[in-house]
Amino acid sequence: MQGNQGKALAKGDVLGSGQAGSYARHLLKYLLCKGARSFRAASWYVSLPHLSGKEMRRPIGILQGLQMGAFSDESLHDLLTKQFTITNASDRMGYRLEGPRLLLKEQLEMISEIAVFGTVQVPADGNPIILMADHQSIAGYPKIAQVIGADLPRLAQMRPGMKISFREVPLKEAEEQLLEMERYLSSLKIALKHKA
């Protein structure tokens, strides 16, 4: 079994049991079987953000967009139940998605209006675009949804070829998730400041 960062364990090594999850539990069980009787707690610890594995496959939370009601019932159903693929045409301005076509009930004449990071707009071809960090400030396509603030960092870690799905989130839950993320960032700042 590998030890601390790939090296054999030595007296005085510090293991952060929370950082590795189930791996840490197996490691501690192994060490106890080998006769270890005491463990020294790490001087600080912050849980890792959920940006990999199973968490990356979790649906992206969305709120209703300004023109959500203008889309067909079938399109709204597909948005919340089907998967979309991030295409190679994606960049820091926007993630272009491929999947079920999202169509309007009828032609909609729009004046360009404000757009923000995470706005999901749908051009005439029915393939949604999620506006990313370098997005334009106004958009003229209908906006079907808005990605919740707490899921924007996870979304930004995704790359072309990855599949994503969406789930509609109540506003209260979106606010709670954002507050939880802000608490995480605050605790991370404190931990880094006091790290030995």
C-alpha atoms as a PDB file:
ATOM      1  CA  MET A   1       0.000   0.000   0.000  1.00  0.00           C
ATOM      2  CA  GLN A   2       1.233   3.504  -0.831  1.00  0.00           C
ATOM      3  CA  GLY A   3       1.966   5.666   2.185  1.00  0.00           C
ATOM      4  CA  ASN A   4       2.018   9.426   2.583  1.00  0.00           C
ATOM      5  CA  GLN A   5       2.112  11.039  -0.890  1.00  0.00           C
ATOM      6  CA  GLY A   6       3.604   7.855  -2.375  1.00  0.00           C
ATOM      7  CA  LYS A   7       6.319   7.463   0.309  1.00  0.00           C
ATOM      8  CA  ALA A   8       6.418   4.962   3.143  1.00  0.00           C
ATOM      9  CA  LEU A   9       4.838   6.310   6.322  1.00  0.00           C
ATOM     10  CA  ALA A  10       7.301   7.613   8.856  1.00  0.00           C
ATOM     11  CA  LYS A  11       6.954   8.690  12.480  1.00  0.00           C
ATOM     12  CA  GLY A  12       5.371  12.141  12.632  1.00  0.00           C
ATOM     13  CA  ASP A  13       3.633  11.993   9.232  1.00  0.00           C
ATOM     14  CA  VAL A  14       0.301  13.819   9.168  1.00  0.00           C
ATOM     15  CA  LEU A  15      -2.676  12.315   7.348  1.00  0.00           C
ATOM     16  CA  GLY A  16      -5.788  14.404   6.671  1.00  0.00           C
ATOM     17  CA  SER A  17      -8.488  11.744   6.896  1.00  0.00           C
ATOM     18  CA  GLY A  18     -11.263  13.944   5.495  1.00  0.00           C
ATOM     19  CA  GLN A  19      -9.378  14.832   2.331  1.00  0.00           C
ATOM     20  CA  ALA A  20      -9.328  11.377   0.813  1.00  0.00           C
ATOM     21  CA  GLY A  21     -12.767  10.142   1.856  1.00  0.00           C
ATOM     22  CA  SER A  22     -13.136   6.357   1.592  1.00  0.00           C
ATOM     23  CA  TYR A  23      -9.432   5.947   0.745  1.00  0.00           C
ATOM     24  CA  ALA A  24      -8.538   7.506   4.109  1.00  0.00           C
ATOM     25  CA  ARG A  25     -10.875   5.127   5.960  1.00  0.00           C
ATOM     26  CA  HIS A  26      -9.269   2.110   4.270  1.00  0.00           C
ATOM     27  CA  LEU A  27      -5.803   3.479   5.025  1.00  0.00           C
ATOM     28  CA  LEU A  28      -6.628   4.011   8.702  1.00  0.00           C
ATOM     29  CA  LYS A  29      -8.086   0.498   8.967  1.00  0.00           C
ATOM     30  CA  TYR A  30      -4.903  -0.889   7.345  1.00  0.00           C
ATOM     31  CA  LEU A  31      -2.665   1.052   9.761  1.00  0.00           C
ATOM     32  CA  LEU A  32      -4.637  -0.161  12.780  1.00  0.00           C
ATOM     33  CA  CYS A  33      -4.230  -3.758  11.568  1.00  0.00           C
ATOM     34  CA  LYS A  34      -0.472  -3.147  11.352  1.00  0.00           C
ATOM     35  CA  GLY A  35      -0.338  -2.046  14.981  1.00  0.00           C
ATOM     36  CA  ALA A  36      -0.565   1.737  14.764  1.00  0.00           C
ATOM     37  CA  ARG A  37      -2.133   3.076  17.968  1.00  0.00           C
ATOM     38  CA  SER A  38      -2.152   6.855  17.607  1.00  0.00           C
ATOM     39  CA  PHE A  39      -2.652   9.478  14.952  1.00  0.00           C
ATOM     40  CA  ARG A  40      -1.811  13.168  15.045  1.00  0.00           C
ATOM     41  CA  ALA A  41      -4.508  15.510  13.695  1.00  0.00           C
ATOM     42  CA  ALA A  42      -3.584  17.864  10.867  1.00  0.00           C
ATOM     43  CA  SER A  43      -3.237  21.515  11.907  1.00  0.00           C
ATOM     44  CA  TRP A  44      -5.933  22.601   9.436  1.00  0.00           C
ATOM     45  CA  TYR A  45      -8.423  21.168   7.015  1.00  0.00           C
ATOM     46  CA  VAL A  46     -10.897  22.401   4.420  1.00  0.00           C
ATOM     47  CA  SER A  47     -13.093  20.020   2.449  1.00  0.00           C
ATOM     48  CA  LEU A  48     -12.329  19.887  -1.253  1.00  0.00           C
ATOM     49  CA  PRO A  49     -14.807  21.444  -3.699  1.00  0.00           C
ATOM     50  CA  HIS A  50     -16.899  18.929  -5.621  1.00  0.00           C
ATOM     51  CA  LEU A  51     -15.349  19.320  -9.042  1.00  0.00           C
ATOM     52  CA  SER A  52     -14.614  15.765 -10.095  1.00  0.00           C
ATOM     53  CA  GLY A  53     -16.037  12.292 -10.566  1.00  0.00           C
ATOM     54  CA  LYS A  54     -19.650  11.776  -9.607  1.00  0.00           C
ATOM     55  CA  GLU A  55     -20.176  15.453  -8.721  1.00  0.00           C
ATOM     56  CA  MET A  56     -19.221  16.543 -12.249  1.00  0.00           C
ATOM     57  CA  ARG A  57     -22.028  14.345 -13.618  1.00  0.00           C
ATOM     58  CA  ARG A  58     -24.640  15.878 -11.307  1.00  0.00           C
ATOM     59  CA  PRO A  59     -27.223  17.957 -13.236  1.00  0.00           C
ATOM     60  CA  ILE A  60     -26.537  21.690 -13.531  1.00  0.00           C
ATOM     61  CA  GLY A  61     -29.040  23.721 -11.519  1.00  0.00           C
ATOM     62  CA  ILE A  62     -31.034  26.309 -13.471  1.00  0.00           C
ATOM     63  CA  LEU A  63     -33.629  28.989 -12.815  1.00  0.00           C
ATOM     64  CA  GLN A  64     -36.297  29.998 -15.325  1.00  0.00           C
ATOM     65  CA  GLY A  65     -35.031  32.274 -18.081  1.00  0.00           C
ATOM     66  CA  LEU A  66     -36.830  35.433 -19.169  1.00  0.00           C
ATOM     67  CA  GLN A  67     -38.387  33.727 -22.211  1.00  0.00           C
ATOM     68  CA  MET A  68     -38.799  30.192 -20.816  1.00  0.00           C
ATOM     69  CA  GLY A  69     -42.572  30.379 -21.287  1.00  0.00           C
ATOM     70  CA  ALA A  70     -42.128  30.990 -25.031  1.00  0.00           C
ATOM     71  CA  PHE A  71     -40.719  27.479 -25.591  1.00  0.00           C
ATOM     72  CA  SER A  72     -42.815  24.441 -26.452  1.00  0.00           C
ATOM     73  CA  ASP A  73     -43.803  22.002 -23.716  1.00  0.00           C
ATOM     74  CA  GLU A  74     -41.770  19.290 -25.452  1.00  0.00           C
ATOM     75  CA  SER A  75     -38.684  21.522 -25.462  1.00  0.00           C
ATOM     76  CA  LEU A  76     -39.070  22.311 -21.748  1.00  0.00           C
ATOM     77  CA  HIS A  77     -39.457  18.602 -21.031  1.00  0.00           C
ATOM     78  CA  ASP A  78     -36.323  17.808 -23.088  1.00  0.00           C
ATOM     79  CA  LEU A  79     -34.328  20.548 -21.337  1.00  0.00           C
ATOM     80  CA  LEU A  80     -34.964  18.929 -17.952  1.00  0.00           C
ATOM     81  CA  THR A  81     -34.843  15.243 -18.888  1.00  0.00           C
ATOM     82  CA  LYS A  82     -32.331  14.810 -21.739  1.00  0.00           C
ATOM     83  CA  GLN A  83     -28.566  15.167 -21.961  1.00  0.00           C
ATOM     84  CA  PHE A  84     -26.637  17.699 -24.020  1.00  0.00           C
ATOM     85  CA  THR A  85     -23.036  17.498 -25.250  1.00  0.00           C
ATOM     86  CA  ILE A  86     -20.602  20.416 -25.070  1.00  0.00           C
ATOM     87  CA  THR A  87     -19.329  20.824 -28.638  1.00  0.00           C
ATOM     88  CA  ASN A  88     -15.849  21.640 -29.937  1.00  0.00           C
ATOM     89  CA  ALA A  89     -17.158  25.061 -31.006  1.00  0.00           C
ATOM     90  CA  SER A  90     -17.260  26.059 -27.305  1.00  0.00           C
ATOM     91  CA  ASP A  91     -14.932  28.641 -25.801  1.00  0.00           C
ATOM     92  CA  ARG A  92     -14.689  31.136 -22.927  1.00  0.00           C
ATOM     93  CA  MET A  93     -17.489  33.193 -24.475  1.00  0.00           C
ATOM     94  CA  GLY A  94     -19.982  30.361 -24.518  1.00  0.00           C
ATOM     95  CA  TYR A  95     -20.536  26.617 -24.366  1.00  0.00           C
ATOM     96  CA  ARG A  96     -22.409  25.481 -27.463  1.00  0.00           C
ATOM     97  CA  LEU A  97     -24.531  22.439 -26.739  1.00  0.00           C
ATOM     98  CA  GLU A  98     -25.770  19.684 -29.001  1.00  0.00           C
ATOM     99  CA  GLY A  99     -28.771  17.541 -28.163  1.00  0.00           C
ATOM    100  CA  PRO A 100     -32.537  17.794 -28.451  1.00  0.00           C
ATOM    101  CA  ARG A 101     -33.535  20.930 -30.360  1.00  0.00           C
ATOM    102  CA  LEU A 102     -35.277  23.468 -28.142  1.00  0.00           C
ATOM    103  CA  LEU A 103     -37.997  25.189 -30.152  1.00  0.00           C
ATOM    104  CA  LEU A 104     -40.277  28.147 -29.570  1.00  0.00           C
ATOM    105  CA  LYS A 105     -44.076  27.786 -29.652  1.00  0.00           C
ATOM    106  CA  GLU A 106     -44.108  30.507 -32.309  1.00  0.00           C
ATOM    107  CA  GLN A 107     -41.721  33.018 -33.878  1.00  0.00           C
ATOM    108  CA  LEU A 108     -40.568  35.604 -31.328  1.00  0.00           C
ATOM    109  CA  GLU A 109     -39.361  39.104 -32.205  1.00  0.00           C
ATOM    110  CA  MET A 110     -36.873  40.280 -29.586  1.00  0.00           C
ATOM    111  CA  ILE A 111     -34.898  43.379 -28.753  1.00  0.00           C
ATOM    112  CA  SER A 112     -31.382  42.669 -27.470  1.00  0.00           C
ATOM    113  CA  GLU A 113     -31.243  42.726 -23.679  1.00  0.00           C
ATOM    114  CA  ILE A 114     -28.760  42.173 -20.884  1.00  0.00           C
ATOM    115  CA  ALA A 115     -27.002  38.804 -20.631  1.00  0.00           C
ATOM    116  CA  VAL A 116     -24.901  37.476 -17.755  1.00  0.00           C
ATOM    117  CA  PHE A 117     -22.537  34.604 -17.000  1.00  0.00           C
ATOM    118  CA  GLY A 118     -24.632  31.420 -17.052  1.00  0.00           C
ATOM    119  CA  THR A 119     -27.481  32.673 -19.250  1.00  0.00           C
ATOM    120  CA  VAL A 120     -28.764  29.834 -21.465  1.00  0.00           C
ATOM    121  CA  GLN A 121     -29.896  31.323 -24.774  1.00  0.00           C
ATOM    122  CA  VAL A 122     -31.305  29.459 -27.751  1.00  0.00           C
ATOM    123  CA  PRO A 123     -30.629  30.605 -31.337  1.00  0.00           C
ATOM    124  CA  ALA A 124     -32.900  29.700 -34.271  1.00  0.00           C
ATOM    125  CA  ASP A 125     -31.222  26.283 -34.806  1.00  0.00           C
ATOM    126  CA  GLY A 126     -32.545  25.133 -31.402  1.00  0.00           C
ATOM    127  CA  ASN A 127     -29.107  24.275 -29.960  1.00  0.00           C
ATOM    128  CA  PRO A 128     -28.594  26.109 -26.647  1.00  0.00           C
ATOM    129  CA  ILE A 129     -25.577  28.252 -25.796  1.00  0.00           C
ATOM    130  CA  ILE A 130     -24.514  28.832 -22.180  1.00  0.00           C
ATOM    131  CA  LEU A 131     -22.768  32.191 -21.817  1.00  0.00           C
ATOM    132  CA  MET A 132     -19.443  31.809 -20.028  1.00  0.00           C
ATOM    133  CA  ALA A 133     -16.848  34.118 -18.416  1.00  0.00           C
ATOM    134  CA  ASP A 134     -15.992  36.187 -21.529  1.00  0.00           C
ATOM    135  CA  HIS A 135     -19.602  36.495 -22.728  1.00  0.00           C
ATOM    136  CA  GLN A 136     -21.016  39.548 -24.478  1.00  0.00           C
ATOM    137  CA  SER A 137     -23.017  41.943 -22.301  1.00  0.00           C
ATOM    138  CA  ILE A 138     -26.206  41.818 -24.414  1.00  0.00           C
ATOM    139  CA  ALA A 139     -27.964  38.997 -26.239  1.00  0.00           C
ATOM    140  CA  GLY A 140     -30.723  38.856 -28.810  1.00  0.00           C
ATOM    141  CA  TYR A 141     -31.697  35.186 -28.594  1.00  0.00           C
ATOM    142  CA  PRO A 142     -34.492  33.913 -26.320  1.00  0.00           C
ATOM    143  CA  LYS A 143     -33.208  32.976 -22.867  1.00  0.00           C
ATOM    144  CA  ILE A 144     -34.637  29.662 -21.686  1.00  0.00           C
ATOM    145  CA  ALA A 145     -32.742  29.426 -18.393  1.00  0.00           C
ATOM    146  CA  GLN A 146     -30.106  30.841 -16.050  1.00  0.00           C
ATOM    147  CA  VAL A 147     -27.465  28.589 -14.451  1.00  0.00           C
ATOM    148  CA  ILE A 148     -27.423  29.062 -10.658  1.00  0.00           C
ATOM    149  CA  GLY A 149     -24.368  30.839  -9.245  1.00  0.00           C
ATOM    150  CA  ALA A 150     -23.225  27.874  -7.146  1.00  0.00           C
ATOM    151  CA  ASP A 151     -22.945  25.646 -10.243  1.00  0.00           C
ATOM    152  CA  LEU A 152     -20.974  28.105 -12.401  1.00  0.00           C
ATOM    153  CA  PRO A 153     -17.521  26.998 -11.087  1.00  0.00           C
ATOM    154  CA  ARG A 154     -18.373  23.338 -11.771  1.00  0.00           C
ATOM    155  CA  LEU A 155     -19.713  24.209 -15.226  1.00  0.00           C
ATOM    156  CA  ALA A 156     -16.522  26.155 -16.017  1.00  0.00           C
ATOM    157  CA  GLN A 157     -14.457  22.997 -15.348  1.00  0.00           C
ATOM    158  CA  MET A 158     -16.289  21.059 -18.056  1.00  0.00           C
ATOM    159  CA  ARG A 159     -14.804  20.633 -21.505  1.00  0.00           C
ATOM    160  CA  PRO A 160     -15.918  19.750 -25.050  1.00  0.00           C
ATOM    161  CA  GLY A 161     -17.240  16.219 -25.378  1.00  0.00           C
ATOM    162  CA  MET A 162     -18.670  16.129 -21.851  1.00  0.00           C
ATOM    163  CA  LYS A 163     -22.368  15.510 -21.405  1.00  0.00           C
ATOM    164  CA  ILE A 164     -24.468  17.721 -19.162  1.00  0.00           C
ATOM    165  CA  SER A 165     -28.047  17.725 -17.964  1.00  0.00           C
ATOM    166  CA  PHE A 166     -30.139  20.321 -16.184  1.00  0.00           C
ATOM    167  CA  ARG A 167     -32.543  20.438 -13.263  1.00  0.00           C
ATOM    168  CA  GLU A 168     -34.770  23.328 -12.294  1.00  0.00           C
ATOM    169  CA  VAL A 169     -33.966  24.629  -8.821  1.00  0.00           C
ATOM    170  CA  PRO A 170     -36.263  26.709  -6.586  1.00  0.00           C
ATOM    171  CA  LEU A 171     -34.890  30.212  -5.950  1.00  0.00           C
ATOM    172  CA  LYS A 172     -34.530  29.533  -2.202  1.00  0.00           C
ATOM    173  CA  GLU A 173     -32.382  26.445  -2.867  1.00  0.00           C
ATOM    174  CA  ALA A 174     -30.245  28.395  -5.369  1.00  0.00           C
ATOM    175  CA  GLU A 175     -29.634  31.074  -2.719  1.00  0.00           C
ATOM    176  CA  GLU A 176     -28.755  28.465  -0.071  1.00  0.00           C
ATOM    177  CA  GLN A 177     -26.272  26.761  -2.407  1.00  0.00           C
ATOM    178  CA  LEU A 178     -24.643  30.114  -3.195  1.00  0.00           C
ATOM    179  CA  LEU A 179     -24.323  30.921   0.532  1.00  0.00           C
ATOM    180  CA  GLU A 180     -22.800  27.476   1.117  1.00  0.00           C
ATOM    181  CA  MET A 181     -20.218  28.135  -1.614  1.00  0.00           C
ATOM    182  CA  GLU A 182     -19.398  31.541  -0.090  1.00  0.00           C
ATOM    183  CA  ARG A 183     -18.934  29.907   3.332  1.00  0.00           C
ATOM    184  CA  TYR A 184     -16.567  27.383   1.734  1.00  0.00           C
ATOM    185  CA  LEU A 185     -14.503  30.193   0.146  1.00  0.00           C
ATOM    186  CA  SER A 186     -14.386  32.070   3.469  1.00  0.00           C
ATOM    187  CA  SER A 187     -13.199  28.986   5.340  1.00  0.00           C
ATOM    188  CA  LEU A 188     -10.612  28.349   2.627  1.00  0.00           C
ATOM    189  CA  LYS A 189      -9.223  31.902   3.045  1.00  0.00           C
ATOM    190  CA  ILE A 190      -8.970  31.413   6.830  1.00  0.00           C
ATOM    191  CA  ALA A 191      -7.338  27.999   6.442  1.00  0.00           C
ATOM    192  CA  LEU A 192      -4.763  29.300   3.954  1.00  0.00           C
ATOM    193  CA  LYS A 193      -3.991  32.278   6.188  1.00  0.00           C
ATOM    194  CA  HIS A 194      -3.333  30.042   9.201  1.00  0.00           C
ATOM    195  CA  LYS A 195      -1.729  27.095   7.408  1.00  0.00           C
ATOM    196  CA  ALA A 196       1.479  26.123   9.164  1.00  0.00           C
END
